[in-house]
Amino acid sequence: VQLQASGGGLVQPGGSLRLSCAASGSTGSINYMGWSRQAPGNQRELVASILKSGLINYADSVSGRFTISRDNAKKTVYLQMNSLKPEDTSVYYCSVRTPYREYWGQGTQVTVSS
């Protein structure tokens, strides 16, 4: 499985960004799709995840501001980020899981600054 993330960039506080992550390869057994982030000097943290059933989980720090969704036909997971704060600045990584292992994308930088 290969993952290609896009959509990062520079945005002012209060602004919005939409991240996308497209999966290719042997994607038939993917159940879990998620987004994590890692800022310099910090551990990677889970931001949001979504199962094929539609079950969704959010980190407390983004709940109410971020929305995760997926398009199974397009094998793509999205992260709509609204009301962005400077503390959301990080490299965002998408990941997917099959019954056998987890796969990670290359990361996309999100910078929230005025």
N, C-alpha and C. Protein backbone atom coordinates (compact mmCIF):
# COMPACT_ATOMS: atom_id res chain seq x y z
N VAL A 1 0.84 -1.18 0.00
CA VAL A 1 0.00 0.00 0.00
C VAL A 1 0.89 1.24 0.00
N GLN A 2 0.56 2.19 -0.86
CA GLN A 2 1.27 3.48 -0.90
C GLN A 2 0.27 4.58 -0.59
N LEU A 3 0.74 5.58 0.14
CA LEU A 3 -0.10 6.70 0.55
C LEU A 3 0.50 8.00 0.05
N GLN A 4 -0.34 8.86 -0.52
CA GLN A 4 0.09 10.16 -1.01
C GLN A 4 -0.76 11.23 -0.36
N ALA A 5 -0.14 12.00 0.52
CA ALA A 5 -0.85 13.07 1.24
C ALA A 5 -0.63 14.41 0.55
N SER A 6 -1.62 15.27 0.66
CA SER A 6 -1.52 16.61 0.09
C SER A 6 -2.43 17.56 0.84
N GLY A 7 -2.24 18.86 0.60
CA GLY A 7 -3.14 19.85 1.16
C GLY A 7 -2.58 20.71 2.27
N GLY A 8 -1.36 20.44 2.71
CA GLY A 8 -0.78 21.27 3.75
C GLY A 8 -0.40 22.64 3.24
N GLY A 9 0.02 23.51 4.16
CA GLY A 9 0.43 24.85 3.76
C GLY A 9 0.45 25.79 4.93
N LEU A 10 0.53 27.07 4.60
CA LEU A 10 0.56 28.14 5.60
C LEU A 10 -0.81 28.80 5.66
N VAL A 11 -1.32 28.96 6.86
CA VAL A 11 -2.64 29.56 7.04
C VAL A 11 -2.62 30.42 8.28
N GLN A 12 -3.42 31.47 8.28
CA GLN A 12 -3.51 32.34 9.45
C GLN A 12 -4.36 31.70 10.54
N PRO A 13 -4.14 32.08 11.78
CA PRO A 13 -5.01 31.58 12.86
C PRO A 13 -6.47 31.86 12.56
N GLY A 14 -7.30 30.86 12.82
CA GLY A 14 -8.71 30.96 12.51
C GLY A 14 -9.07 30.46 11.12
N GLY A 15 -8.07 30.20 10.32
CA GLY A 15 -8.29 29.75 8.96
C GLY A 15 -8.57 28.26 8.86
N SER A 16 -8.69 27.79 7.62
CA SER A 16 -9.03 26.38 7.36
C SER A 16 -8.09 25.78 6.32
N LEU A 17 -7.92 24.49 6.43
CA LEU A 17 -7.20 23.72 5.43
C LEU A 17 -7.87 22.35 5.32
N ARG A 18 -7.72 21.74 4.15
CA ARG A 18 -8.24 20.38 3.95
C ARG A 18 -7.10 19.49 3.47
N LEU A 19 -6.81 18.47 4.24
CA LEU A 19 -5.80 17.50 3.87
C LEU A 19 -6.46 16.30 3.18
N SER A 20 -5.76 15.74 2.22
CA SER A 20 -6.22 14.54 1.53
C SER A 20 -5.12 13.50 1.55
N CYS A 21 -5.49 12.25 1.55
CA CYS A 21 -4.51 11.17 1.50
C CYS A 21 -5.11 10.03 0.67
N ALA A 22 -4.49 9.77 -0.47
CA ALA A 22 -4.97 8.75 -1.39
C ALA A 22 -4.13 7.49 -1.26
N ALA A 23 -4.80 6.36 -1.15
CA ALA A 23 -4.12 5.07 -1.04
C ALA A 23 -4.13 4.38 -2.39
N SER A 24 -3.07 3.66 -2.67
CA SER A 24 -2.98 2.86 -3.90
C SER A 24 -2.29 1.55 -3.57
N GLY A 25 -2.41 0.62 -4.49
CA GLY A 25 -1.82 -0.70 -4.27
C GLY A 25 -2.88 -1.67 -3.76
N SER A 26 -2.48 -2.52 -2.85
CA SER A 26 -3.38 -3.55 -2.32
C SER A 26 -4.24 -2.98 -1.20
N THR A 27 -5.27 -2.24 -1.60
CA THR A 27 -6.07 -1.48 -0.64
C THR A 27 -7.34 -2.19 -0.20
N GLY A 28 -7.59 -3.38 -0.72
CA GLY A 28 -8.87 -4.03 -0.47
C GLY A 28 -9.15 -4.36 0.99
N SER A 29 -8.10 -4.58 1.77
CA SER A 29 -8.31 -5.00 3.16
C SER A 29 -8.15 -3.86 4.15
N ILE A 30 -8.10 -2.61 3.66
CA ILE A 30 -7.96 -1.47 4.58
C ILE A 30 -9.24 -1.28 5.36
N ASN A 31 -9.12 -1.19 6.70
CA ASN A 31 -10.26 -0.87 7.55
C ASN A 31 -10.04 0.51 8.18
N TYR A 32 -8.96 0.65 8.91
CA TYR A 32 -8.66 1.89 9.62
C TYR A 32 -7.94 2.89 8.70
N MET A 33 -8.37 4.16 8.77
CA MET A 33 -7.67 5.27 8.13
C MET A 33 -7.58 6.39 9.15
N GLY A 34 -6.42 7.03 9.23
CA GLY A 34 -6.28 8.05 10.26
C GLY A 34 -5.25 9.11 9.92
N TRP A 35 -5.27 10.15 10.75
CA TRP A 35 -4.31 11.24 10.66
C TRP A 35 -3.63 11.41 12.01
N SER A 36 -2.33 11.56 11.98
CA SER A 36 -1.54 11.86 13.17
C SER A 36 -0.69 13.09 12.87
N ARG A 37 -0.10 13.66 13.90
CA ARG A 37 0.77 14.81 13.68
C ARG A 37 1.95 14.76 14.64
N GLN A 38 3.01 15.40 14.21
CA GLN A 38 4.22 15.44 15.04
C GLN A 38 4.90 16.78 14.86
N ALA A 39 5.01 17.52 15.96
CA ALA A 39 5.72 18.79 15.97
C ALA A 39 7.15 18.55 16.44
N PRO A 40 8.09 19.42 16.07
CA PRO A 40 9.49 19.24 16.48
C PRO A 40 9.62 19.09 18.00
N GLY A 41 10.30 18.05 18.43
CA GLY A 41 10.52 17.81 19.85
C GLY A 41 9.39 17.10 20.55
N ASN A 42 8.31 16.84 19.81
CA ASN A 42 7.15 16.17 20.41
C ASN A 42 6.98 14.77 19.84
N GLN A 43 6.25 13.96 20.57
CA GLN A 43 5.90 12.65 20.06
C GLN A 43 4.77 12.76 19.05
N ARG A 44 4.70 11.78 18.17
CA ARG A 44 3.60 11.74 17.22
C ARG A 44 2.32 11.45 17.99
N GLU A 45 1.26 12.20 17.66
CA GLU A 45 -0.01 12.00 18.33
C GLU A 45 -1.11 11.77 17.31
N LEU A 46 -2.07 10.93 17.69
CA LEU A 46 -3.22 10.68 16.84
C LEU A 46 -4.13 11.89 16.86
N VAL A 47 -4.56 12.32 15.68
CA VAL A 47 -5.49 13.45 15.57
C VAL A 47 -6.91 12.95 15.38
N ALA A 48 -7.10 12.04 14.43
CA ALA A 48 -8.43 11.53 14.14
C ALA A 48 -8.30 10.22 13.38
N SER A 49 -9.31 9.38 13.54
CA SER A 49 -9.32 8.11 12.82
C SER A 49 -10.75 7.77 12.44
N ILE A 50 -10.87 6.94 11.39
CA ILE A 50 -12.18 6.53 10.92
C ILE A 50 -12.09 5.11 10.42
N LEU A 51 -13.03 4.28 10.85
CA LEU A 51 -13.09 2.91 10.38
C LEU A 51 -14.02 2.80 9.16
N LYS A 52 -13.95 1.68 8.50
CA LYS A 52 -14.79 1.47 7.33
C LYS A 52 -16.26 1.50 7.70
N SER A 53 -16.56 1.14 8.96
CA SER A 53 -17.94 1.17 9.44
C SER A 53 -18.46 2.59 9.63
N GLY A 54 -17.52 3.56 9.65
CA GLY A 54 -17.88 4.95 9.89
C GLY A 54 -17.60 5.41 11.30
N LEU A 55 -17.15 4.52 12.16
CA LEU A 55 -16.82 4.89 13.54
C LEU A 55 -15.64 5.85 13.53
N ILE A 56 -15.78 6.97 14.22
CA ILE A 56 -14.80 8.05 14.21
C ILE A 56 -14.30 8.35 15.61
N ASN A 57 -13.03 8.69 15.69
CA ASN A 57 -12.41 9.08 16.95
C ASN A 57 -11.59 10.33 16.73
N TYR A 58 -11.69 11.29 17.68
CA TYR A 58 -10.93 12.53 17.60
C TYR A 58 -10.12 12.73 18.88
N ALA A 59 -8.95 13.34 18.72
CA ALA A 59 -8.23 13.82 19.89
C ALA A 59 -9.01 14.97 20.51
N ASP A 60 -8.95 15.09 21.83
CA ASP A 60 -9.68 16.16 22.51
C ASP A 60 -9.27 17.54 21.99
N SER A 61 -8.01 17.68 21.62
CA SER A 61 -7.49 18.98 21.21
C SER A 61 -8.07 19.47 19.88
N VAL A 62 -8.67 18.58 19.09
CA VAL A 62 -9.19 18.99 17.78
C VAL A 62 -10.69 18.76 17.67
N SER A 63 -11.28 18.12 18.63
CA SER A 63 -12.71 17.82 18.57
C SER A 63 -13.52 19.11 18.44
N GLY A 64 -14.44 19.11 17.49
CA GLY A 64 -15.25 20.29 17.25
C GLY A 64 -14.67 21.23 16.22
N ARG A 65 -13.41 21.04 15.88
CA ARG A 65 -12.75 21.90 14.88
C ARG A 65 -12.35 21.11 13.62
N PHE A 66 -11.96 19.88 13.80
CA PHE A 66 -11.52 19.04 12.69
C PHE A 66 -12.59 18.01 12.37
N THR A 67 -12.67 17.64 11.09
CA THR A 67 -13.60 16.60 10.66
C THR A 67 -12.87 15.63 9.75
N ILE A 68 -12.91 14.36 10.10
CA ILE A 68 -12.32 13.34 9.26
C ILE A 68 -13.42 12.67 8.45
N SER A 69 -13.10 12.32 7.22
CA SER A 69 -14.05 11.60 6.37
C SER A 69 -13.26 10.72 5.41
N ARG A 70 -13.96 9.83 4.76
CA ARG A 70 -13.29 8.96 3.80
C ARG A 70 -14.22 8.67 2.64
N ASP A 71 -13.61 8.43 1.50
CA ASP A 71 -14.33 8.02 0.30
C ASP A 71 -13.74 6.66 -0.08
N ASN A 72 -14.47 5.61 0.22
CA ASN A 72 -13.93 4.27 -0.01
C ASN A 72 -13.74 3.96 -1.49
N ALA A 73 -14.60 4.53 -2.32
CA ALA A 73 -14.46 4.30 -3.76
C ALA A 73 -13.17 4.93 -4.30
N LYS A 74 -12.82 6.08 -3.75
CA LYS A 74 -11.59 6.77 -4.16
C LYS A 74 -10.40 6.37 -3.31
N LYS A 75 -10.64 5.53 -2.28
CA LYS A 75 -9.55 5.07 -1.40
C LYS A 75 -8.83 6.28 -0.80
N THR A 76 -9.59 7.25 -0.38
CA THR A 76 -9.02 8.51 0.10
C THR A 76 -9.61 8.88 1.45
N VAL A 77 -8.76 9.41 2.32
CA VAL A 77 -9.21 9.94 3.61
C VAL A 77 -8.91 11.43 3.63
N TYR A 78 -9.82 12.18 4.23
CA TYR A 78 -9.71 13.63 4.28
C TYR A 78 -9.68 14.11 5.74
N LEU A 79 -9.07 15.27 5.93
CA LEU A 79 -9.12 15.93 7.23
C LEU A 79 -9.42 17.40 6.99
N GLN A 80 -10.65 17.79 7.31
CA GLN A 80 -11.04 19.20 7.22
C GLN A 80 -10.68 19.86 8.53
N MET A 81 -9.83 20.86 8.47
CA MET A 81 -9.36 21.54 9.67
C MET A 81 -9.84 22.98 9.67
N ASN A 82 -10.69 23.31 10.63
CA ASN A 82 -11.24 24.67 10.76
C ASN A 82 -10.76 25.30 12.06
N SER A 83 -10.91 26.59 12.15
CA SER A 83 -10.53 27.34 13.36
C SER A 83 -9.12 26.96 13.81
N LEU A 84 -8.21 26.96 12.88
CA LEU A 84 -6.84 26.52 13.16
C LEU A 84 -6.15 27.46 14.14
N LYS A 85 -5.33 26.86 14.98
CA LYS A 85 -4.60 27.58 16.01
C LYS A 85 -3.09 27.39 15.78
N PRO A 86 -2.27 28.30 16.28
CA PRO A 86 -0.82 28.13 16.12
C PRO A 86 -0.32 26.78 16.66
N GLU A 87 -0.96 26.28 17.70
CA GLU A 87 -0.53 25.00 18.26
C GLU A 87 -0.88 23.81 17.38
N ASP A 88 -1.63 24.04 16.30
CA ASP A 88 -1.88 22.97 15.33
C ASP A 88 -0.73 22.82 14.34
N THR A 89 0.22 23.73 14.40
CA THR A 89 1.39 23.66 13.51
C THR A 89 2.13 22.36 13.74
N SER A 90 2.31 21.60 12.66
CA SER A 90 2.92 20.29 12.78
C SER A 90 3.07 19.67 11.40
N VAL A 91 3.77 18.55 11.33
CA VAL A 91 3.73 17.71 10.15
C VAL A 91 2.62 16.69 10.36
N TYR A 92 1.72 16.61 9.41
CA TYR A 92 0.57 15.71 9.51
C TYR A 92 0.82 14.48 8.64
N TYR A 93 0.58 13.32 9.23
CA TYR A 93 0.79 12.05 8.56
C TYR A 93 -0.52 11.28 8.47
N CYS A 94 -0.79 10.71 7.32
CA CYS A 94 -1.92 9.81 7.22
C CYS A 94 -1.40 8.38 7.39
N SER A 95 -2.28 7.51 7.84
CA SER A 95 -1.94 6.11 7.97
C SER A 95 -3.17 5.26 7.72
N VAL A 96 -2.92 4.04 7.27
CA VAL A 96 -4.00 3.07 7.09
C VAL A 96 -3.54 1.75 7.67
N ARG A 97 -4.50 0.94 8.04
CA ARG A 97 -4.19 -0.37 8.60
C ARG A 97 -4.95 -1.46 7.86
N THR A 98 -4.22 -2.54 7.59
CA THR A 98 -4.82 -3.76 7.11
C THR A 98 -4.74 -4.76 8.26
N PRO A 99 -5.27 -5.96 8.10
CA PRO A 99 -5.12 -6.97 9.17
C PRO A 99 -3.66 -7.34 9.44
N TYR A 100 -2.75 -6.90 8.56
CA TYR A 100 -1.37 -7.36 8.66
C TYR A 100 -0.40 -6.30 9.16
N ARG A 101 -0.65 -5.03 8.84
CA ARG A 101 0.29 -3.99 9.24
C ARG A 101 -0.31 -2.62 9.02
N GLU A 102 0.44 -1.60 9.51
CA GLU A 102 0.06 -0.20 9.33
C GLU A 102 1.01 0.42 8.31
N TYR A 103 0.46 1.28 7.46
CA TYR A 103 1.23 1.99 6.46
C TYR A 103 1.13 3.49 6.73
N TRP A 104 2.24 4.22 6.46
CA TRP A 104 2.29 5.65 6.71
C TRP A 104 2.61 6.42 5.43
N GLY A 105 1.98 7.59 5.31
CA GLY A 105 2.31 8.50 4.23
C GLY A 105 3.54 9.32 4.55
N GLN A 106 3.92 10.20 3.63
CA GLN A 106 5.19 10.92 3.75
C GLN A 106 5.09 12.17 4.63
N GLY A 107 3.91 12.59 5.00
CA GLY A 107 3.78 13.78 5.84
C GLY A 107 3.59 15.04 5.03
N THR A 108 2.76 15.93 5.53
CA THR A 108 2.55 17.22 4.90
C THR A 108 2.57 18.30 5.99
N GLN A 109 3.30 19.38 5.73
CA GLN A 109 3.49 20.42 6.74
C GLN A 109 2.28 21.35 6.80
N VAL A 110 1.80 21.59 8.00
CA VAL A 110 0.76 22.58 8.26
C VAL A 110 1.35 23.61 9.21
N THR A 111 1.33 24.87 8.78
CA THR A 111 1.85 25.96 9.61
C THR A 111 0.75 26.99 9.81
N VAL A 112 0.45 27.27 11.06
CA VAL A 112 -0.57 28.25 11.41
C VAL A 112 0.13 29.45 12.04
N SER A 113 0.15 30.54 11.31
CA SER A 113 0.90 31.71 11.77
C SER A 113 0.37 32.96 11.09
N SER A 114 0.44 34.06 11.82
CA SER A 114 0.05 35.34 11.22
C SER A 114 1.27 36.05 10.66
